[in-house]
Amino acid sequence: MELADITLAWVVGEICPFVGIDTDFVEKSLSNNPNKPKWGESTPHNAYTSSSIFTRPILGRENRIALMTKDSVLHPSLLLAPDTKGMVTISELKKKLGVSDLKPQTWALNEYEERIRTFWHDVFRDTEVPQFETMNEAEGLV
């Protein structure tokens, strides 16, 4: 869930200048798990590692490291992600790109991402968790 929160913060930050977004609602919707990893340190996962042993041969194991070049730009959270079996690791990226430091290849967080990062473990927003409609409540709205 925390990886999705990082992605959501990026999307919101990128589109905020063009559309109206209730950022308070978004912030209250983020994971409020007190035991969540620090920002960027969630364990990466994908469909392959999350699937059963029976579906893995169908899915196949593919990573996109071959698409990476010295001009590739990375999200800063990648530098904090733990090395995980079945995922492209920082050491593999460094070897592929022939660099010892990936920091120069990261982009700056947008303003909203930076805001989310600063209060990643704050609980001030946890008292007003948004309530989503049930299917019964949504009936007749459309």
N, C-alpha and C. Protein backbone atom coordinates (compact mmCIF):
# COMPACT_ATOMS: atom_id res chain seq x y z
N MET A 1 0.82 -1.19 0.00
CA MET A 1 0.00 0.00 0.00
C MET A 1 0.87 1.26 0.00
N GLU A 2 1.99 1.22 0.71
CA GLU A 2 2.84 2.41 0.78
C GLU A 2 3.45 2.75 -0.57
N LEU A 3 3.75 1.75 -1.39
CA LEU A 3 4.26 2.03 -2.74
C LEU A 3 3.19 2.74 -3.56
N ALA A 4 1.94 2.33 -3.38
CA ALA A 4 0.84 2.99 -4.09
C ALA A 4 0.70 4.43 -3.62
N ASP A 5 0.94 4.68 -2.34
CA ASP A 5 0.87 6.05 -1.81
C ASP A 5 1.93 6.95 -2.45
N ILE A 6 3.12 6.41 -2.64
CA ILE A 6 4.19 7.18 -3.29
C ILE A 6 3.81 7.51 -4.72
N THR A 7 3.24 6.53 -5.41
CA THR A 7 2.80 6.74 -6.79
C THR A 7 1.67 7.76 -6.84
N LEU A 8 0.71 7.63 -5.94
CA LEU A 8 -0.42 8.56 -5.90
C LEU A 8 0.07 9.99 -5.65
N ALA A 9 1.02 10.16 -4.75
CA ALA A 9 1.55 11.49 -4.46
C ALA A 9 2.20 12.08 -5.71
N TRP A 10 2.91 11.27 -6.47
CA TRP A 10 3.53 11.76 -7.71
C TRP A 10 2.46 12.20 -8.70
N VAL A 11 1.43 11.36 -8.90
CA VAL A 11 0.37 11.68 -9.85
C VAL A 11 -0.34 12.96 -9.44
N VAL A 12 -0.73 13.06 -8.17
CA VAL A 12 -1.43 14.25 -7.69
C VAL A 12 -0.56 15.49 -7.88
N GLY A 13 0.70 15.39 -7.53
CA GLY A 13 1.61 16.53 -7.70
C GLY A 13 1.77 16.97 -9.14
N GLU A 14 1.73 16.01 -10.05
CA GLU A 14 1.89 16.35 -11.47
C GLU A 14 0.64 16.97 -12.07
N ILE A 15 -0.55 16.55 -11.63
CA ILE A 15 -1.77 17.06 -12.27
C ILE A 15 -2.42 18.22 -11.51
N CYS A 16 -2.00 18.46 -10.27
CA CYS A 16 -2.58 19.56 -9.48
C CYS A 16 -2.59 20.91 -10.20
N PRO A 17 -1.54 21.26 -10.93
CA PRO A 17 -1.58 22.56 -11.59
C PRO A 17 -2.66 22.68 -12.67
N PHE A 18 -3.22 21.55 -13.10
CA PHE A 18 -4.15 21.57 -14.23
C PHE A 18 -5.59 21.25 -13.85
N VAL A 19 -5.80 20.57 -12.72
CA VAL A 19 -7.16 20.21 -12.30
C VAL A 19 -7.29 20.44 -10.80
N GLY A 20 -8.52 20.62 -10.37
CA GLY A 20 -8.76 20.79 -8.95
C GLY A 20 -8.79 19.45 -8.24
N ILE A 21 -7.97 19.30 -7.22
CA ILE A 21 -7.91 18.05 -6.46
C ILE A 21 -8.03 18.38 -4.98
N ASP A 22 -8.86 17.63 -4.29
CA ASP A 22 -8.99 17.79 -2.85
C ASP A 22 -7.80 17.08 -2.19
N THR A 23 -6.71 17.80 -2.04
CA THR A 23 -5.49 17.18 -1.52
C THR A 23 -5.65 16.75 -0.06
N ASP A 24 -6.52 17.43 0.70
CA ASP A 24 -6.78 16.98 2.07
C ASP A 24 -7.36 15.58 2.07
N PHE A 25 -8.30 15.33 1.15
CA PHE A 25 -8.90 14.00 1.03
C PHE A 25 -7.85 12.97 0.66
N VAL A 26 -6.99 13.31 -0.29
CA VAL A 26 -5.93 12.39 -0.71
C VAL A 26 -5.03 12.07 0.47
N GLU A 27 -4.62 13.09 1.21
CA GLU A 27 -3.72 12.88 2.34
C GLU A 27 -4.35 12.01 3.42
N LYS A 28 -5.63 12.19 3.66
CA LYS A 28 -6.32 11.38 4.67
C LYS A 28 -6.54 9.96 4.18
N SER A 29 -6.45 9.74 2.87
CA SER A 29 -6.66 8.42 2.30
C SER A 29 -5.39 7.57 2.29
N LEU A 30 -4.25 8.19 2.54
CA LEU A 30 -2.99 7.45 2.52
C LEU A 30 -2.92 6.47 3.68
N SER A 31 -2.09 5.47 3.56
CA SER A 31 -1.93 4.47 4.61
C SER A 31 -1.59 5.13 5.93
N ASN A 32 -2.32 4.76 6.96
CA ASN A 32 -2.02 5.28 8.30
C ASN A 32 -1.50 4.17 9.21
N ASN A 33 -0.94 3.15 8.61
CA ASN A 33 -0.34 2.04 9.36
C ASN A 33 0.87 2.57 10.14
N PRO A 34 0.83 2.53 11.47
CA PRO A 34 1.95 3.07 12.24
C PRO A 34 3.24 2.28 12.06
N ASN A 35 3.13 1.06 11.55
CA ASN A 35 4.32 0.22 11.36
C ASN A 35 4.82 0.23 9.92
N LYS A 36 4.29 1.13 9.11
CA LYS A 36 4.73 1.13 7.71
C LYS A 36 6.20 1.53 7.62
N PRO A 37 6.87 1.05 6.58
CA PRO A 37 8.28 1.40 6.41
C PRO A 37 8.46 2.90 6.19
N LYS A 38 9.67 3.37 6.40
CA LYS A 38 9.97 4.77 6.10
C LYS A 38 9.71 5.04 4.63
N TRP A 39 9.57 6.32 4.28
CA TRP A 39 9.29 6.70 2.91
C TRP A 39 10.33 6.08 1.98
N GLY A 40 9.86 5.39 0.94
CA GLY A 40 10.74 4.80 -0.06
C GLY A 40 11.31 3.45 0.31
N GLU A 41 11.11 2.99 1.54
CA GLU A 41 11.74 1.75 1.98
C GLU A 41 10.81 0.54 1.96
N SER A 42 9.65 0.68 1.33
CA SER A 42 8.74 -0.47 1.20
C SER A 42 9.37 -1.51 0.30
N THR A 43 9.08 -2.76 0.58
CA THR A 43 9.61 -3.85 -0.23
C THR A 43 8.91 -3.85 -1.58
N PRO A 44 9.67 -3.77 -2.67
CA PRO A 44 9.06 -3.81 -3.99
C PRO A 44 8.40 -5.16 -4.24
N HIS A 45 7.39 -5.16 -5.08
CA HIS A 45 6.72 -6.41 -5.43
C HIS A 45 6.16 -6.27 -6.84
N ASN A 46 5.83 -7.39 -7.42
CA ASN A 46 5.23 -7.38 -8.75
C ASN A 46 4.31 -8.59 -8.88
N ALA A 47 3.66 -8.72 -10.03
CA ALA A 47 2.72 -9.81 -10.23
C ALA A 47 3.40 -11.17 -10.13
N TYR A 48 4.63 -11.26 -10.57
CA TYR A 48 5.34 -12.53 -10.54
C TYR A 48 5.59 -12.98 -9.10
N THR A 49 6.15 -12.10 -8.29
CA THR A 49 6.47 -12.50 -6.92
C THR A 49 5.23 -12.69 -6.06
N SER A 50 4.12 -12.06 -6.46
CA SER A 50 2.88 -12.19 -5.70
C SER A 50 2.03 -13.37 -6.14
N SER A 51 2.40 -14.01 -7.23
CA SER A 51 1.58 -15.09 -7.78
C SER A 51 1.95 -16.44 -7.18
N SER A 52 1.08 -17.40 -7.41
CA SER A 52 1.32 -18.75 -6.89
C SER A 52 2.35 -19.46 -7.76
N ILE A 53 2.88 -20.53 -7.23
CA ILE A 53 3.89 -21.30 -7.95
C ILE A 53 3.32 -21.88 -9.25
N PHE A 54 2.00 -22.06 -9.30
CA PHE A 54 1.36 -22.64 -10.48
C PHE A 54 1.20 -21.62 -11.61
N THR A 55 1.03 -20.35 -11.27
CA THR A 55 0.84 -19.33 -12.31
C THR A 55 2.15 -18.69 -12.77
N ARG A 56 3.21 -18.87 -12.02
CA ARG A 56 4.49 -18.25 -12.40
C ARG A 56 4.98 -18.68 -13.78
N PRO A 57 4.90 -19.96 -14.15
CA PRO A 57 5.35 -20.32 -15.51
C PRO A 57 4.54 -19.63 -16.61
N ILE A 58 3.28 -19.33 -16.34
CA ILE A 58 2.43 -18.65 -17.33
C ILE A 58 2.84 -17.19 -17.44
N LEU A 59 3.05 -16.55 -16.29
CA LEU A 59 3.44 -15.14 -16.28
C LEU A 59 4.84 -14.93 -16.85
N GLY A 60 5.74 -15.83 -16.51
CA GLY A 60 7.13 -15.64 -16.89
C GLY A 60 7.78 -14.63 -15.97
N ARG A 61 9.10 -14.67 -15.92
CA ARG A 61 9.84 -13.72 -15.06
C ARG A 61 10.56 -12.74 -15.97
N GLU A 62 10.13 -11.51 -15.91
CA GLU A 62 10.72 -10.50 -16.78
C GLU A 62 11.00 -9.26 -15.96
N ASN A 63 12.14 -8.67 -16.20
CA ASN A 63 12.37 -7.34 -15.64
C ASN A 63 12.73 -6.43 -16.81
N ARG A 64 12.74 -5.19 -16.55
CA ARG A 64 12.95 -4.23 -17.64
C ARG A 64 14.32 -3.56 -17.56
N ILE A 65 15.27 -4.24 -16.96
CA ILE A 65 16.60 -3.66 -16.82
C ILE A 65 17.22 -3.40 -18.19
N ALA A 66 16.86 -4.20 -19.18
CA ALA A 66 17.41 -4.01 -20.53
C ALA A 66 17.00 -2.67 -21.12
N LEU A 67 15.90 -2.10 -20.63
CA LEU A 67 15.43 -0.81 -21.14
C LEU A 67 16.16 0.38 -20.52
N MET A 68 16.91 0.14 -19.45
CA MET A 68 17.60 1.21 -18.75
C MET A 68 18.86 1.63 -19.52
N THR A 69 19.06 2.94 -19.59
CA THR A 69 20.26 3.48 -20.23
C THR A 69 20.87 4.52 -19.29
N LYS A 70 22.03 5.03 -19.67
CA LYS A 70 22.66 6.07 -18.85
C LYS A 70 21.84 7.36 -18.82
N ASP A 71 20.89 7.49 -19.75
CA ASP A 71 20.02 8.66 -19.78
C ASP A 71 18.72 8.45 -19.00
N SER A 72 18.50 7.24 -18.49
CA SER A 72 17.28 6.95 -17.75
C SER A 72 17.23 7.80 -16.48
N VAL A 73 16.03 8.24 -16.14
CA VAL A 73 15.83 9.04 -14.94
C VAL A 73 15.01 8.20 -13.96
N LEU A 74 15.43 8.18 -12.72
CA LEU A 74 14.83 7.31 -11.71
C LEU A 74 14.11 8.12 -10.63
N HIS A 75 13.10 7.52 -10.03
CA HIS A 75 12.43 8.15 -8.90
C HIS A 75 13.33 8.01 -7.67
N PRO A 76 13.47 9.06 -6.86
CA PRO A 76 14.37 9.01 -5.70
C PRO A 76 14.05 7.89 -4.71
N SER A 77 12.80 7.46 -4.63
CA SER A 77 12.45 6.40 -3.69
C SER A 77 13.14 5.09 -4.04
N LEU A 78 13.49 4.91 -5.29
CA LEU A 78 14.18 3.69 -5.72
C LEU A 78 15.51 3.51 -4.99
N LEU A 79 16.17 4.61 -4.68
CA LEU A 79 17.47 4.54 -4.01
C LEU A 79 17.36 4.02 -2.58
N LEU A 80 16.17 4.06 -2.01
CA LEU A 80 15.97 3.61 -0.64
C LEU A 80 15.36 2.22 -0.56
N ALA A 81 14.88 1.70 -1.68
CA ALA A 81 14.20 0.40 -1.69
C ALA A 81 15.17 -0.72 -1.35
N PRO A 82 14.71 -1.68 -0.54
CA PRO A 82 15.59 -2.80 -0.21
C PRO A 82 15.80 -3.71 -1.43
N ASP A 83 16.96 -4.33 -1.51
CA ASP A 83 17.19 -5.31 -2.56
C ASP A 83 16.31 -6.52 -2.28
N THR A 84 15.57 -6.93 -3.27
CA THR A 84 14.60 -8.00 -3.09
C THR A 84 14.76 -9.04 -4.18
N LYS A 85 14.68 -10.29 -3.80
CA LYS A 85 14.77 -11.38 -4.76
C LYS A 85 13.64 -11.25 -5.79
N GLY A 86 13.99 -11.41 -7.05
CA GLY A 86 12.99 -11.34 -8.10
C GLY A 86 12.75 -9.95 -8.64
N MET A 87 13.43 -8.94 -8.09
CA MET A 87 13.26 -7.57 -8.55
C MET A 87 14.62 -7.04 -9.00
N VAL A 88 14.59 -6.02 -9.84
CA VAL A 88 15.84 -5.37 -10.22
C VAL A 88 16.38 -4.66 -8.98
N THR A 89 17.64 -4.89 -8.67
CA THR A 89 18.22 -4.29 -7.47
C THR A 89 19.08 -3.08 -7.84
N ILE A 90 19.38 -2.27 -6.85
CA ILE A 90 20.23 -1.10 -7.06
C ILE A 90 21.59 -1.54 -7.59
N SER A 91 22.14 -2.61 -7.02
CA SER A 91 23.46 -3.07 -7.49
C SER A 91 23.40 -3.51 -8.95
N GLU A 92 22.30 -4.15 -9.36
CA GLU A 92 22.16 -4.54 -10.77
C GLU A 92 22.07 -3.31 -11.68
N LEU A 93 21.33 -2.31 -11.22
CA LEU A 93 21.21 -1.07 -12.01
C LEU A 93 22.56 -0.38 -12.15
N LYS A 94 23.30 -0.29 -11.06
CA LYS A 94 24.63 0.34 -11.11
C LYS A 94 25.54 -0.40 -12.09
N LYS A 95 25.50 -1.72 -12.03
CA LYS A 95 26.33 -2.53 -12.92
C LYS A 95 25.91 -2.33 -14.38
N LYS A 96 24.61 -2.37 -14.64
CA LYS A 96 24.09 -2.20 -16.01
C LYS A 96 24.46 -0.83 -16.57
N LEU A 97 24.34 0.21 -15.74
CA LEU A 97 24.59 1.57 -16.21
C LEU A 97 26.06 1.96 -16.10
N GLY A 98 26.86 1.14 -15.43
CA GLY A 98 28.28 1.43 -15.29
C GLY A 98 28.57 2.65 -14.43
N VAL A 99 27.78 2.81 -13.36
CA VAL A 99 27.97 3.95 -12.46
C VAL A 99 28.11 3.44 -11.03
N SER A 100 28.70 4.27 -10.18
CA SER A 100 28.82 3.88 -8.77
C SER A 100 27.76 4.58 -7.92
N ASP A 101 27.12 5.61 -8.48
CA ASP A 101 26.12 6.37 -7.74
C ASP A 101 24.95 6.69 -8.67
N LEU A 102 23.74 6.33 -8.25
CA LEU A 102 22.55 6.59 -9.07
C LEU A 102 21.89 7.93 -8.75
N LYS A 103 22.32 8.58 -7.67
CA LYS A 103 21.67 9.82 -7.26
C LYS A 103 21.62 10.87 -8.38
N PRO A 104 22.68 11.05 -9.16
CA PRO A 104 22.59 12.04 -10.24
C PRO A 104 21.52 11.72 -11.29
N GLN A 105 21.06 10.48 -11.31
CA GLN A 105 20.07 10.10 -12.30
C GLN A 105 18.64 10.13 -11.76
N THR A 106 18.45 10.72 -10.59
CA THR A 106 17.10 10.83 -10.04
C THR A 106 16.56 12.23 -10.29
N TRP A 107 15.25 12.32 -10.41
CA TRP A 107 14.64 13.64 -10.58
C TRP A 107 14.24 14.18 -9.22
N ALA A 108 13.99 15.47 -9.17
CA ALA A 108 13.56 16.10 -7.92
C ALA A 108 12.08 15.76 -7.69
N LEU A 109 11.73 15.53 -6.44
CA LEU A 109 10.32 15.31 -6.11
C LEU A 109 9.54 16.57 -6.44
N ASN A 110 8.28 16.39 -6.87
CA ASN A 110 7.45 17.57 -7.07
C ASN A 110 7.00 18.08 -5.69
N GLU A 111 6.40 19.24 -5.67
CA GLU A 111 6.07 19.90 -4.40
C GLU A 111 5.16 19.03 -3.53
N TYR A 112 4.18 18.40 -4.15
CA TYR A 112 3.25 17.58 -3.38
C TYR A 112 3.92 16.31 -2.85
N GLU A 113 4.78 15.69 -3.65
CA GLU A 113 5.53 14.52 -3.18
C GLU A 113 6.37 14.88 -1.96
N GLU A 114 7.01 16.02 -2.03
CA GLU A 114 7.85 16.47 -0.91
C GLU A 114 7.00 16.67 0.34
N ARG A 115 5.81 17.24 0.16
CA ARG A 115 4.88 17.44 1.29
C ARG A 115 4.51 16.10 1.93
N ILE A 116 4.17 15.12 1.09
CA ILE A 116 3.80 13.79 1.60
C ILE A 116 4.99 13.15 2.31
N ARG A 117 6.15 13.30 1.74
CA ARG A 117 7.35 12.70 2.35
C ARG A 117 7.62 13.28 3.74
N THR A 118 7.40 14.58 3.91
CA THR A 118 7.70 15.21 5.20
C THR A 118 6.78 14.73 6.32
N PHE A 119 5.53 14.38 6.00
CA PHE A 119 4.65 13.91 7.08
C PHE A 119 4.32 12.42 6.95
N TRP A 120 5.18 11.67 6.32
CA TRP A 120 4.96 10.24 6.06
C TRP A 120 4.51 9.47 7.31
N HIS A 121 5.09 9.76 8.47
CA HIS A 121 4.72 9.02 9.68
C HIS A 121 3.92 9.86 10.67
N ASP A 122 3.51 11.05 10.29
CA ASP A 122 2.66 11.85 11.17
C ASP A 122 1.29 11.21 11.27
N VAL A 123 0.65 11.38 12.40
CA VAL A 123 -0.68 10.81 12.58
C VAL A 123 -1.75 11.89 12.71
N PHE A 124 -1.41 13.14 12.45
CA PHE A 124 -2.37 14.22 12.62
C PHE A 124 -3.61 14.02 11.75
N ARG A 125 -3.46 13.36 10.64
CA ARG A 125 -4.57 13.19 9.71
C ARG A 125 -5.39 11.93 9.97
N ASP A 126 -4.95 11.12 10.92
CA ASP A 126 -5.58 9.82 11.11
C ASP A 126 -6.93 9.86 11.81
N THR A 127 -7.31 11.00 12.37
CA THR A 127 -8.58 11.06 13.07
C THR A 127 -9.76 11.19 12.12
N GLU A 128 -9.52 11.63 10.92
CA GLU A 128 -10.61 11.84 9.97
C GLU A 128 -10.40 11.01 8.71
N VAL A 129 -10.40 9.70 8.86
CA VAL A 129 -10.23 8.82 7.71
C VAL A 129 -11.47 8.95 6.84
N PRO A 130 -11.32 9.17 5.53
CA PRO A 130 -12.48 9.35 4.66
C PRO A 130 -13.38 8.13 4.65
N GLN A 131 -14.66 8.38 4.52
CA GLN A 131 -15.64 7.31 4.41
C GLN A 131 -16.05 7.18 2.95
N PHE A 132 -15.94 6.00 2.42
CA PHE A 132 -16.31 5.76 1.04
C PHE A 132 -17.70 5.16 1.00
N GLU A 133 -18.44 5.46 -0.06
CA GLU A 133 -19.80 4.97 -0.18
C GLU A 133 -19.81 3.46 -0.41
N THR A 134 -20.83 2.81 0.13
CA THR A 134 -21.04 1.40 -0.20
C THR A 134 -21.88 1.36 -1.47
N MET A 135 -22.02 0.20 -2.05
CA MET A 135 -22.84 0.08 -3.26
C MET A 135 -24.27 0.51 -2.97
N ASN A 136 -24.80 0.18 -1.78
CA ASN A 136 -26.16 0.58 -1.43
C ASN A 136 -26.30 2.09 -1.36
N GLU A 137 -25.31 2.76 -0.79
CA GLU A 137 -25.36 4.22 -0.68
C GLU A 137 -25.21 4.89 -2.04
N ALA A 138 -24.51 4.24 -2.95
CA ALA A 138 -24.29 4.82 -4.27
C ALA A 138 -25.49 4.63 -5.19
N GLU A 139 -26.41 3.74 -4.83
CA GLU A 139 -27.58 3.47 -5.67
C GLU A 139 -28.38 4.75 -5.88
N GLY A 140 -28.74 5.01 -7.10
CA GLY A 140 -29.53 6.18 -7.43
C GLY A 140 -28.70 7.43 -7.69
N LEU A 141 -27.39 7.38 -7.43
CA LEU A 141 -26.54 8.54 -7.68
C LEU A 141 -26.15 8.66 -9.14
N VAL A 142 -26.21 7.55 -9.85
CA VAL A 142 -25.77 7.56 -11.24
C VAL A 142 -26.96 7.58 -12.15
